[in-house]
Every structure is written in structure tokens, then in C-alpha cells.
Protein backbone atom coordinates (compact mmCIF):
# COMPACT_ATOMS: atom_id res chain seq x y z
CA MET A 1 0.11 0.09 0.13
CA ASN A 2 1.56 3.51 -1.08
CA LYS A 3 0.89 6.24 1.23
CA GLU A 4 0.77 9.69 -0.22
CA GLU A 5 2.21 12.76 1.73
CA PRO A 6 -0.32 15.62 2.03
CA LYS A 7 0.32 18.54 -0.41
CA SER A 8 -0.21 21.19 2.15
CA LYS A 9 2.34 22.22 4.76
CA PHE A 10 2.86 24.56 7.90
CA LEU A 11 5.66 27.06 7.42
CA LYS A 12 7.87 28.78 10.07
CA ILE A 13 8.42 32.42 8.65
CA SER A 14 10.27 35.36 10.05
CA CYS A 15 8.70 38.80 9.66
CA SER A 16 11.03 41.04 7.25
CA GLU A 17 9.91 44.02 9.47
CA CYS A 18 10.24 42.95 13.21
CA GLU A 19 11.94 39.48 12.82
CA ASN A 20 9.14 37.87 14.83
CA GLU A 21 8.78 34.16 13.88
CA GLN A 22 5.34 32.73 13.23
CA ILE A 23 3.86 29.50 11.94
CA ILE A 24 1.29 29.71 9.02
CA PHE A 25 -0.52 27.53 6.54
CA ASN A 26 1.09 27.55 3.21
CA LYS A 27 -2.32 27.91 1.45
CA PRO A 28 -3.89 30.59 3.47
CA THR A 29 -7.57 31.89 2.31
CA ASN A 30 -7.00 35.14 4.06
CA THR A 31 -4.09 37.71 4.12
CA VAL A 32 -1.72 36.58 6.97
CA GLN A 33 -0.26 39.50 8.93
CA CYS A 34 2.48 39.54 11.65
CA LEU A 35 0.93 39.22 15.22
CA ASP A 36 3.64 41.97 16.37
CA CYS A 37 3.93 44.62 13.79
CA GLU A 38 0.93 43.79 11.42
CA SER A 39 3.01 43.70 8.34
CA THR A 40 1.62 41.42 5.66
CA LEU A 41 3.65 38.03 5.74
CA CYS A 42 1.51 36.08 3.12
CA ASP A 43 -1.34 36.82 0.44
CA PRO A 44 -3.82 34.29 -0.76
CA THR A 45 -3.66 33.33 -4.28
CA GLY A 46 -6.37 30.53 -4.63
CA GLY A 47 -3.78 27.96 -4.04
CA MET A 48 -0.19 28.24 -2.67
CA GLY A 49 0.13 31.48 -0.82
CA LYS A 50 2.26 34.13 -1.92
CA ILE A 51 4.86 34.61 1.12
CA GLN A 52 6.14 37.91 1.75
CA SER A 53 8.94 36.97 4.27
CA LYS A 54 11.77 34.40 4.70
CA ILE A 55 10.88 30.72 5.45
CA GLU A 56 12.77 29.18 8.19
CA GLU A 57 11.37 25.89 8.50
CA VAL A 58 8.82 23.63 6.77
CA PHE A 59 6.64 21.08 8.56
CA ARG A 60 5.15 18.19 6.85
């Protein structure tokens, strides 16, 4: 039996403005903002989000 891995992932990203690290979903339905400075971290695109910050780690 072949087990497939999910295509969606969680990402740890760091804010380009304040360096805050946050875990987000890679396919967001809404704009994701930093919890500290409220700058945009990721925009929805109808599929994979458009990441506006540096990806630090990927969780499968």
C-alpha cells in the first residue's frame, strides 16, 4: 500500500520588518499578518500563498 504525503504544509516564517517568527499554513484563504507589527506575511492566491517573508522551516 502506497501512502501519499499531504500537499499542504505549515511554514515557520520570520517577519521582514520585526524579525518575529510565526507558523502559518502555506495555502491561506485570508491575508496573514504579523502578530507583532501587523505587516503582511502572506497573501492568498487561490492555492499556494504568496510568501512576503523569509521561510525558516517547513513542517510536513
